[in-house]
Amino acid sequence: MLCFCYGSNMSQRRLQARVPSARVVAVAELPAHRLRFHKSARDGSAKCDAEETGNPEDRVIGVVYEIADAEKPDLDRHEALGFGYDEKQVELRSEKGSLHAWMYYATRINNSLKPFHWYKDHVLIGARENRLPADYIAQIEAVDSIDDPKPERHERELSIYSNT
């Protein structure tokens, strides 16, 4: 099945730690949406959302992965499906043409929250490794992020990159 990832799951290492079958299919755009860091997470921080705007000029750029059907429940659990994220089918534009995939979108929103530095790092690593446009990466870099009050979580989250 095809999954559109636009936040921390753009990082291949992050996603494959959750669903080992994940393989990149294409970089794609989701029109009439914009990237927001406003999904209220259980850890008290903000995570990404592809907010539907209806404006055809808006776009979220992300990565389409193919994952094994049997692993989707594992990803649903990691993404807290039903507890802050829901899912929907979307039509995407890519260099391979039109693609249909499912994606998670935020249902618990808090505009006052900020992402932890480690979360924003996951998003940036994924954006860079998949060669998203420089101006789009710059928009992500400009997002304010904060220290995680649990430094051990910061270390654990980024440890997947330690041997690169």
N, C-alpha and C. Protein backbone atom coordinates (compact mmCIF):
# COMPACT_ATOMS: atom_id res chain seq x y z
N MET A 1 0.83 -1.18 0.00
CA MET A 1 0.00 0.00 0.00
C MET A 1 0.88 1.25 0.00
N LEU A 2 0.36 2.32 -0.57
CA LEU A 2 1.12 3.56 -0.66
C LEU A 2 0.71 4.52 0.47
N CYS A 3 1.72 5.08 1.12
CA CYS A 3 1.53 6.02 2.22
C CYS A 3 2.27 7.31 1.91
N PHE A 4 1.58 8.45 2.04
CA PHE A 4 2.20 9.76 1.83
C PHE A 4 2.68 10.29 3.17
N CYS A 5 4.00 10.51 3.28
CA CYS A 5 4.63 10.99 4.51
C CYS A 5 5.17 12.39 4.28
N TYR A 6 4.85 13.30 5.19
CA TYR A 6 5.23 14.71 5.03
C TYR A 6 5.91 15.28 6.27
N GLY A 7 5.97 14.51 7.33
CA GLY A 7 6.58 14.97 8.58
C GLY A 7 7.80 14.13 8.90
N SER A 8 7.90 13.67 10.14
CA SER A 8 9.09 12.92 10.55
C SER A 8 9.24 11.60 9.80
N ASN A 9 8.15 11.05 9.30
CA ASN A 9 8.24 9.79 8.56
C ASN A 9 8.82 9.95 7.16
N MET A 10 9.12 11.18 6.73
CA MET A 10 9.87 11.33 5.48
C MET A 10 11.26 10.72 5.63
N SER A 11 11.80 10.73 6.83
CA SER A 11 13.11 10.13 7.11
C SER A 11 13.01 8.63 6.93
N GLN A 12 13.78 8.09 6.00
CA GLN A 12 13.73 6.66 5.73
C GLN A 12 14.11 5.84 6.96
N ARG A 13 15.13 6.26 7.68
CA ARG A 13 15.52 5.52 8.89
C ARG A 13 14.42 5.53 9.94
N ARG A 14 13.79 6.66 10.11
CA ARG A 14 12.69 6.77 11.09
C ARG A 14 11.54 5.86 10.70
N LEU A 15 11.13 5.92 9.44
CA LEU A 15 9.99 5.12 9.01
C LEU A 15 10.33 3.63 9.03
N GLN A 16 11.53 3.27 8.57
CA GLN A 16 11.89 1.85 8.56
C GLN A 16 12.09 1.28 9.96
N ALA A 17 12.36 2.12 10.94
CA ALA A 17 12.42 1.65 12.32
C ALA A 17 11.02 1.26 12.81
N ARG A 18 10.01 1.84 12.19
CA ARG A 18 8.62 1.56 12.54
C ARG A 18 8.01 0.48 11.66
N VAL A 19 8.29 0.55 10.37
CA VAL A 19 7.79 -0.43 9.39
C VAL A 19 8.94 -0.78 8.45
N PRO A 20 9.63 -1.88 8.72
CA PRO A 20 10.84 -2.23 7.96
C PRO A 20 10.65 -2.39 6.45
N SER A 21 9.42 -2.66 6.02
CA SER A 21 9.19 -2.86 4.58
C SER A 21 9.19 -1.56 3.78
N ALA A 22 9.17 -0.41 4.43
CA ALA A 22 9.00 0.87 3.73
C ALA A 22 10.06 1.09 2.66
N ARG A 23 9.59 1.40 1.44
CA ARG A 23 10.46 1.69 0.31
C ARG A 23 9.96 2.94 -0.40
N VAL A 24 10.89 3.85 -0.73
CA VAL A 24 10.53 5.10 -1.41
C VAL A 24 9.98 4.79 -2.80
N VAL A 25 8.86 5.43 -3.11
CA VAL A 25 8.26 5.33 -4.44
C VAL A 25 8.52 6.62 -5.21
N ALA A 26 8.26 7.77 -4.56
CA ALA A 26 8.41 9.06 -5.24
C ALA A 26 8.28 10.20 -4.24
N VAL A 27 8.85 11.33 -4.62
CA VAL A 27 8.55 12.60 -3.95
C VAL A 27 7.28 13.11 -4.62
N ALA A 28 6.36 13.63 -3.83
CA ALA A 28 5.07 14.05 -4.39
C ALA A 28 4.56 15.30 -3.69
N GLU A 29 3.62 15.96 -4.35
CA GLU A 29 2.97 17.16 -3.81
C GLU A 29 1.50 16.88 -3.58
N LEU A 30 1.02 17.39 -2.45
CA LEU A 30 -0.39 17.35 -2.12
C LEU A 30 -0.94 18.76 -2.26
N PRO A 31 -1.72 19.03 -3.31
CA PRO A 31 -2.23 20.39 -3.49
C PRO A 31 -3.33 20.74 -2.49
N ALA A 32 -3.53 22.05 -2.33
CA ALA A 32 -4.59 22.60 -1.49
C ALA A 32 -4.43 22.23 -0.01
N HIS A 33 -3.20 22.02 0.41
CA HIS A 33 -2.84 21.74 1.80
C HIS A 33 -1.59 22.54 2.13
N ARG A 34 -1.34 22.75 3.42
CA ARG A 34 -0.09 23.38 3.83
C ARG A 34 0.46 22.66 5.05
N LEU A 35 1.78 22.66 5.15
CA LEU A 35 2.45 22.00 6.26
C LEU A 35 2.35 22.88 7.49
N ARG A 36 1.86 22.27 8.57
CA ARG A 36 1.74 22.97 9.85
C ARG A 36 2.32 22.09 10.94
N PHE A 37 2.92 22.71 11.93
CA PHE A 37 3.39 22.03 13.13
C PHE A 37 2.41 22.42 14.24
N HIS A 38 1.25 21.77 14.26
CA HIS A 38 0.23 22.13 15.25
C HIS A 38 -0.56 20.94 15.77
N LYS A 39 -0.14 19.72 15.41
CA LYS A 39 -0.82 18.53 15.94
C LYS A 39 -0.40 18.36 17.39
N SER A 40 -1.36 18.29 18.28
CA SER A 40 -1.09 18.16 19.71
C SER A 40 -0.70 16.71 20.02
N ALA A 41 0.54 16.53 20.50
CA ALA A 41 1.06 15.20 20.79
C ALA A 41 0.98 14.90 22.28
N ARG A 42 1.00 13.62 22.61
CA ARG A 42 0.92 13.20 24.01
C ARG A 42 2.11 13.71 24.83
N ASP A 43 3.24 13.97 24.17
CA ASP A 43 4.43 14.42 24.91
C ASP A 43 4.43 15.93 25.16
N GLY A 44 3.35 16.61 24.77
CA GLY A 44 3.24 18.05 25.03
C GLY A 44 3.84 18.93 23.96
N SER A 45 4.22 18.34 22.84
CA SER A 45 4.81 19.12 21.76
C SER A 45 3.90 19.09 20.54
N ALA A 46 4.33 19.78 19.50
CA ALA A 46 3.61 19.81 18.23
C ALA A 46 4.27 18.86 17.24
N LYS A 47 3.44 18.19 16.47
CA LYS A 47 3.89 17.35 15.37
C LYS A 47 3.29 17.91 14.09
N CYS A 48 3.70 17.35 12.95
CA CYS A 48 3.26 17.87 11.65
C CYS A 48 1.83 17.50 11.31
N ASP A 49 1.25 18.35 10.50
CA ASP A 49 -0.05 18.12 9.90
C ASP A 49 -0.04 18.67 8.49
N ALA A 50 -0.76 18.00 7.60
CA ALA A 50 -1.01 18.54 6.26
C ALA A 50 -2.41 19.12 6.32
N GLU A 51 -2.47 20.41 6.63
CA GLU A 51 -3.75 21.09 6.84
C GLU A 51 -4.41 21.39 5.50
N GLU A 52 -5.63 20.94 5.35
CA GLU A 52 -6.37 21.21 4.11
C GLU A 52 -6.81 22.66 4.10
N THR A 53 -6.47 23.38 3.02
CA THR A 53 -6.80 24.80 2.92
C THR A 53 -7.83 25.09 1.83
N GLY A 54 -7.91 24.21 0.83
CA GLY A 54 -8.78 24.47 -0.31
C GLY A 54 -8.15 25.42 -1.32
N ASN A 55 -7.01 26.02 -0.98
CA ASN A 55 -6.33 26.95 -1.88
C ASN A 55 -5.42 26.15 -2.81
N PRO A 56 -5.68 26.17 -4.13
CA PRO A 56 -4.87 25.37 -5.05
C PRO A 56 -3.40 25.81 -5.12
N GLU A 57 -3.09 27.00 -4.61
CA GLU A 57 -1.70 27.48 -4.58
C GLU A 57 -0.89 26.85 -3.45
N ASP A 58 -1.58 26.37 -2.41
CA ASP A 58 -0.89 25.74 -1.29
C ASP A 58 -0.50 24.32 -1.68
N ARG A 59 0.59 23.83 -1.05
CA ARG A 59 1.04 22.47 -1.32
C ARG A 59 1.86 21.96 -0.16
N VAL A 60 1.74 20.69 0.07
CA VAL A 60 2.62 19.98 0.99
C VAL A 60 3.45 19.04 0.14
N ILE A 61 4.75 19.07 0.35
CA ILE A 61 5.64 18.17 -0.37
C ILE A 61 6.07 17.07 0.60
N GLY A 62 6.04 15.86 0.12
CA GLY A 62 6.43 14.74 0.96
C GLY A 62 6.90 13.57 0.15
N VAL A 63 6.95 12.42 0.80
CA VAL A 63 7.50 11.22 0.19
C VAL A 63 6.43 10.13 0.22
N VAL A 64 6.24 9.49 -0.92
CA VAL A 64 5.34 8.35 -0.99
C VAL A 64 6.18 7.09 -0.77
N TYR A 65 5.77 6.32 0.22
CA TYR A 65 6.41 5.05 0.53
C TYR A 65 5.43 3.92 0.25
N GLU A 66 5.96 2.80 -0.18
CA GLU A 66 5.17 1.58 -0.21
C GLU A 66 5.50 0.81 1.06
N ILE A 67 4.45 0.38 1.75
CA ILE A 67 4.65 -0.43 2.96
C ILE A 67 3.80 -1.69 2.86
N ALA A 68 4.24 -2.73 3.52
CA ALA A 68 3.50 -3.98 3.54
C ALA A 68 2.18 -3.80 4.28
N ASP A 69 1.12 -4.35 3.73
CA ASP A 69 -0.19 -4.26 4.36
C ASP A 69 -0.15 -4.73 5.82
N ALA A 70 0.62 -5.79 6.06
CA ALA A 70 0.67 -6.37 7.41
C ALA A 70 1.31 -5.44 8.43
N GLU A 71 2.09 -4.45 7.96
CA GLU A 71 2.76 -3.52 8.88
C GLU A 71 1.96 -2.25 9.16
N LYS A 72 0.87 -2.04 8.46
CA LYS A 72 0.11 -0.81 8.68
C LYS A 72 -0.38 -0.67 10.12
N PRO A 73 -0.86 -1.74 10.78
CA PRO A 73 -1.27 -1.57 12.18
C PRO A 73 -0.14 -1.08 13.09
N ASP A 74 1.10 -1.48 12.80
CA ASP A 74 2.23 -1.00 13.58
C ASP A 74 2.40 0.51 13.39
N LEU A 75 2.31 0.97 12.14
CA LEU A 75 2.44 2.40 11.89
C LEU A 75 1.26 3.16 12.49
N ASP A 76 0.06 2.60 12.40
CA ASP A 76 -1.11 3.24 13.02
C ASP A 76 -0.87 3.47 14.52
N ARG A 77 -0.28 2.49 15.17
CA ARG A 77 0.00 2.59 16.61
C ARG A 77 1.02 3.69 16.88
N HIS A 78 2.10 3.72 16.10
CA HIS A 78 3.13 4.76 16.26
C HIS A 78 2.56 6.15 16.02
N GLU A 79 1.65 6.26 15.08
CA GLU A 79 1.09 7.56 14.72
C GLU A 79 -0.14 7.93 15.57
N ALA A 80 -0.53 7.06 16.48
CA ALA A 80 -1.67 7.31 17.36
C ALA A 80 -2.95 7.53 16.55
N LEU A 81 -3.17 6.66 15.55
CA LEU A 81 -4.39 6.74 14.76
C LEU A 81 -5.59 6.64 15.69
N GLY A 82 -6.50 7.60 15.55
CA GLY A 82 -7.68 7.65 16.40
C GLY A 82 -7.47 8.45 17.68
N PHE A 83 -6.24 8.87 17.94
CA PHE A 83 -5.91 9.63 19.15
C PHE A 83 -5.10 10.88 18.79
N GLY A 84 -5.54 11.60 17.79
CA GLY A 84 -4.84 12.81 17.36
C GLY A 84 -4.58 12.85 15.88
N TYR A 85 -4.55 11.68 15.26
CA TYR A 85 -4.47 11.59 13.80
C TYR A 85 -5.60 10.71 13.31
N ASP A 86 -6.11 11.05 12.14
CA ASP A 86 -7.01 10.19 11.39
C ASP A 86 -6.34 9.95 10.04
N GLU A 87 -6.99 9.23 9.15
CA GLU A 87 -6.37 8.95 7.86
C GLU A 87 -7.37 9.22 6.74
N LYS A 88 -6.82 9.49 5.56
CA LYS A 88 -7.67 9.70 4.40
C LYS A 88 -6.87 9.34 3.15
N GLN A 89 -7.59 9.10 2.07
CA GLN A 89 -7.00 8.85 0.77
C GLN A 89 -6.80 10.20 0.08
N VAL A 90 -5.67 10.37 -0.59
CA VAL A 90 -5.38 11.62 -1.29
C VAL A 90 -4.84 11.34 -2.68
N GLU A 91 -5.01 12.32 -3.55
CA GLU A 91 -4.42 12.27 -4.89
C GLU A 91 -3.23 13.21 -4.91
N LEU A 92 -2.10 12.70 -5.35
CA LEU A 92 -0.84 13.43 -5.31
C LEU A 92 -0.31 13.64 -6.72
N ARG A 93 0.51 14.67 -6.87
CA ARG A 93 1.22 14.92 -8.13
C ARG A 93 2.68 14.56 -7.91
N SER A 94 3.24 13.82 -8.86
CA SER A 94 4.65 13.45 -8.77
C SER A 94 5.25 13.41 -10.16
N GLU A 95 6.56 13.24 -10.22
CA GLU A 95 7.23 13.11 -11.51
C GLU A 95 6.78 11.83 -12.22
N LYS A 96 6.20 10.90 -11.48
CA LYS A 96 5.67 9.66 -12.05
C LYS A 96 4.21 9.80 -12.45
N GLY A 97 3.67 11.01 -12.35
CA GLY A 97 2.26 11.24 -12.65
C GLY A 97 1.43 11.29 -11.39
N SER A 98 0.15 11.09 -11.55
CA SER A 98 -0.78 11.12 -10.43
C SER A 98 -0.67 9.83 -9.63
N LEU A 99 -0.62 9.96 -8.30
CA LEU A 99 -0.56 8.81 -7.41
C LEU A 99 -1.68 8.93 -6.38
N HIS A 100 -2.24 7.81 -5.99
CA HIS A 100 -3.22 7.77 -4.92
C HIS A 100 -2.59 7.06 -3.73
N ALA A 101 -2.70 7.67 -2.57
CA ALA A 101 -2.11 7.11 -1.35
C ALA A 101 -2.98 7.50 -0.17
N TRP A 102 -2.73 6.88 0.96
CA TRP A 102 -3.39 7.31 2.19
C TRP A 102 -2.37 8.09 3.01
N MET A 103 -2.88 8.90 3.89
CA MET A 103 -2.02 9.70 4.76
C MET A 103 -2.74 9.95 6.08
N TYR A 104 -1.95 10.30 7.07
CA TYR A 104 -2.49 10.72 8.37
C TYR A 104 -2.67 12.24 8.35
N TYR A 105 -3.70 12.72 9.06
CA TYR A 105 -3.90 14.15 9.23
C TYR A 105 -4.35 14.40 10.67
N ALA A 106 -4.03 15.58 11.17
CA ALA A 106 -4.27 15.89 12.58
C ALA A 106 -5.74 16.16 12.86
N THR A 107 -6.18 15.61 14.00
CA THR A 107 -7.53 15.89 14.49
C THR A 107 -7.48 16.63 15.83
N ARG A 108 -6.33 16.59 16.50
CA ARG A 108 -6.13 17.34 17.74
C ARG A 108 -5.11 18.44 17.45
N ILE A 109 -5.59 19.65 17.45
CA ILE A 109 -4.75 20.78 17.03
C ILE A 109 -4.62 21.78 18.18
N ASN A 110 -3.39 22.26 18.36
CA ASN A 110 -3.12 23.30 19.36
C ASN A 110 -2.05 24.22 18.76
N ASN A 111 -2.47 25.39 18.33
CA ASN A 111 -1.57 26.31 17.65
C ASN A 111 -0.53 26.94 18.57
N SER A 112 -0.66 26.75 19.87
CA SER A 112 0.32 27.33 20.79
C SER A 112 1.52 26.41 21.02
N LEU A 113 1.45 25.17 20.58
CA LEU A 113 2.55 24.22 20.79
C LEU A 113 3.65 24.41 19.75
N LYS A 114 4.85 23.98 20.12
CA LYS A 114 6.00 23.98 19.20
C LYS A 114 6.59 22.57 19.19
N PRO A 115 7.23 22.22 18.09
CA PRO A 115 7.87 20.90 18.04
C PRO A 115 9.16 20.90 18.85
N PHE A 116 9.51 19.70 19.35
CA PHE A 116 10.82 19.54 19.97
C PHE A 116 11.88 19.57 18.87
N HIS A 117 13.10 19.98 19.26
CA HIS A 117 14.20 20.05 18.28
C HIS A 117 14.39 18.72 17.57
N TRP A 118 14.35 17.59 18.32
CA TRP A 118 14.60 16.29 17.70
C TRP A 118 13.55 15.96 16.65
N TYR A 119 12.30 16.35 16.88
CA TYR A 119 11.24 16.07 15.91
C TYR A 119 11.49 16.87 14.63
N LYS A 120 11.78 18.15 14.80
CA LYS A 120 12.07 18.98 13.63
C LYS A 120 13.29 18.42 12.88
N ASP A 121 14.29 17.89 13.61
CA ASP A 121 15.45 17.27 12.97
C ASP A 121 15.04 16.09 12.11
N HIS A 122 14.14 15.23 12.61
CA HIS A 122 13.64 14.11 11.79
C HIS A 122 13.04 14.62 10.48
N VAL A 123 12.22 15.66 10.58
CA VAL A 123 11.56 16.22 9.40
C VAL A 123 12.60 16.75 8.42
N LEU A 124 13.57 17.50 8.93
CA LEU A 124 14.60 18.06 8.06
C LEU A 124 15.49 16.98 7.44
N ILE A 125 15.84 15.97 8.20
CA ILE A 125 16.65 14.88 7.65
C ILE A 125 15.91 14.23 6.49
N GLY A 126 14.62 13.96 6.69
CA GLY A 126 13.82 13.36 5.62
C GLY A 126 13.69 14.27 4.40
N ALA A 127 13.51 15.55 4.64
CA ALA A 127 13.38 16.50 3.53
C ALA A 127 14.68 16.58 2.73
N ARG A 128 15.80 16.59 3.44
CA ARG A 128 17.09 16.67 2.74
C ARG A 128 17.45 15.38 2.02
N GLU A 129 17.24 14.24 2.66
CA GLU A 129 17.63 12.98 2.02
C GLU A 129 16.78 12.69 0.79
N ASN A 130 15.58 13.23 0.74
CA ASN A 130 14.71 13.04 -0.42
C ASN A 130 14.77 14.20 -1.40
N ARG A 131 15.69 15.12 -1.13
CA ARG A 131 15.98 16.25 -2.03
C ARG A 131 14.74 17.10 -2.34
N LEU A 132 14.00 17.45 -1.28
CA LEU A 132 12.90 18.37 -1.47
C LEU A 132 13.45 19.73 -1.88
N PRO A 133 12.65 20.57 -2.50
CA PRO A 133 13.15 21.88 -2.95
C PRO A 133 13.75 22.71 -1.81
N ALA A 134 14.81 23.44 -2.13
CA ALA A 134 15.53 24.23 -1.12
C ALA A 134 14.61 25.23 -0.42
N ASP A 135 13.70 25.87 -1.15
CA ASP A 135 12.81 26.85 -0.51
C ASP A 135 11.85 26.17 0.46
N TYR A 136 11.45 24.96 0.17
CA TYR A 136 10.57 24.22 1.06
C TYR A 136 11.32 23.81 2.33
N ILE A 137 12.55 23.34 2.16
CA ILE A 137 13.39 23.00 3.32
C ILE A 137 13.62 24.24 4.18
N ALA A 138 13.85 25.38 3.54
CA ALA A 138 14.05 26.63 4.29
C ALA A 138 12.82 26.98 5.12
N GLN A 139 11.63 26.70 4.62
CA GLN A 139 10.41 26.96 5.39
C GLN A 139 10.37 26.08 6.65
N ILE A 140 10.80 24.83 6.51
CA ILE A 140 10.84 23.94 7.67
C ILE A 140 11.90 24.41 8.66
N GLU A 141 13.06 24.80 8.14
CA GLU A 141 14.14 25.29 9.02
C GLU A 141 13.69 26.50 9.82
N ALA A 142 12.79 27.32 9.27
CA ALA A 142 12.34 28.54 9.93
C ALA A 142 11.34 28.29 11.06
N VAL A 143 10.83 27.07 11.18
CA VAL A 143 9.87 26.76 12.23
C VAL A 143 10.56 26.78 13.59
N ASP A 144 9.99 27.50 14.55
CA ASP A 144 10.53 27.53 15.91
C ASP A 144 10.36 26.16 16.54
N SER A 145 11.40 25.71 17.22
CA SER A 145 11.32 24.45 17.96
C SER A 145 11.90 24.68 19.36
N ILE A 146 11.64 23.72 20.24
CA ILE A 146 12.03 23.88 21.64
C ILE A 146 12.76 22.64 22.15
N ASP A 147 13.45 22.81 23.27
CA ASP A 147 14.11 21.69 23.94
C ASP A 147 13.06 20.73 24.48
N ASP A 148 13.36 19.46 24.40
CA ASP A 148 12.53 18.44 25.03
C ASP A 148 12.89 18.43 26.52
N PRO A 149 11.92 18.48 27.42
CA PRO A 149 12.24 18.45 28.84
C PRO A 149 12.85 17.11 29.29
N LYS A 150 12.79 16.12 28.42
CA LYS A 150 13.39 14.82 28.70
C LYS A 150 14.57 14.62 27.74
N PRO A 151 15.78 15.05 28.14
CA PRO A 151 16.94 14.96 27.24
C PRO A 151 17.22 13.54 26.75
N GLU A 152 16.88 12.55 27.57
CA GLU A 152 17.12 11.16 27.16
C GLU A 152 16.26 10.79 25.95
N ARG A 153 15.08 11.37 25.83
CA ARG A 153 14.22 11.12 24.67
C ARG A 153 14.85 11.73 23.42
N HIS A 154 15.41 12.94 23.57
CA HIS A 154 16.11 13.58 22.46
C HIS A 154 17.22 12.67 21.94
N GLU A 155 18.03 12.16 22.84
CA GLU A 155 19.14 11.27 22.46
C GLU A 155 18.63 9.99 21.81
N ARG A 156 17.61 9.41 22.41
CA ARG A 156 17.06 8.15 21.88
C ARG A 156 16.48 8.36 20.47
N GLU A 157 15.75 9.44 20.29
CA GLU A 157 15.12 9.71 18.99
C GLU A 157 16.15 9.86 17.87
N LEU A 158 17.24 10.56 18.17
CA LEU A 158 18.22 10.82 17.12
C LEU A 158 19.30 9.74 17.02
N SER A 159 19.27 8.76 17.91
CA SER A 159 20.29 7.70 17.88
C SER A 159 20.24 6.86 16.62
N ILE A 160 19.12 6.84 15.91
CA ILE A 160 19.04 6.06 14.68
C ILE A 160 19.96 6.58 13.58
N TYR A 161 20.44 7.80 13.74
CA TYR A 161 21.36 8.40 12.76
C TYR A 161 22.82 8.32 13.18
N SER A 162 23.10 7.75 14.31
CA SER A 162 24.46 7.82 14.89
C SER A 162 25.52 7.09 14.07
N ASN A 163 25.16 6.14 13.27
CA ASN A 163 26.17 5.43 12.49
C ASN A 163 26.23 5.89 11.03
N THR A 164 25.75 7.12 10.77
CA THR A 164 25.83 7.63 9.41
C THR A 164 26.98 8.59 9.27
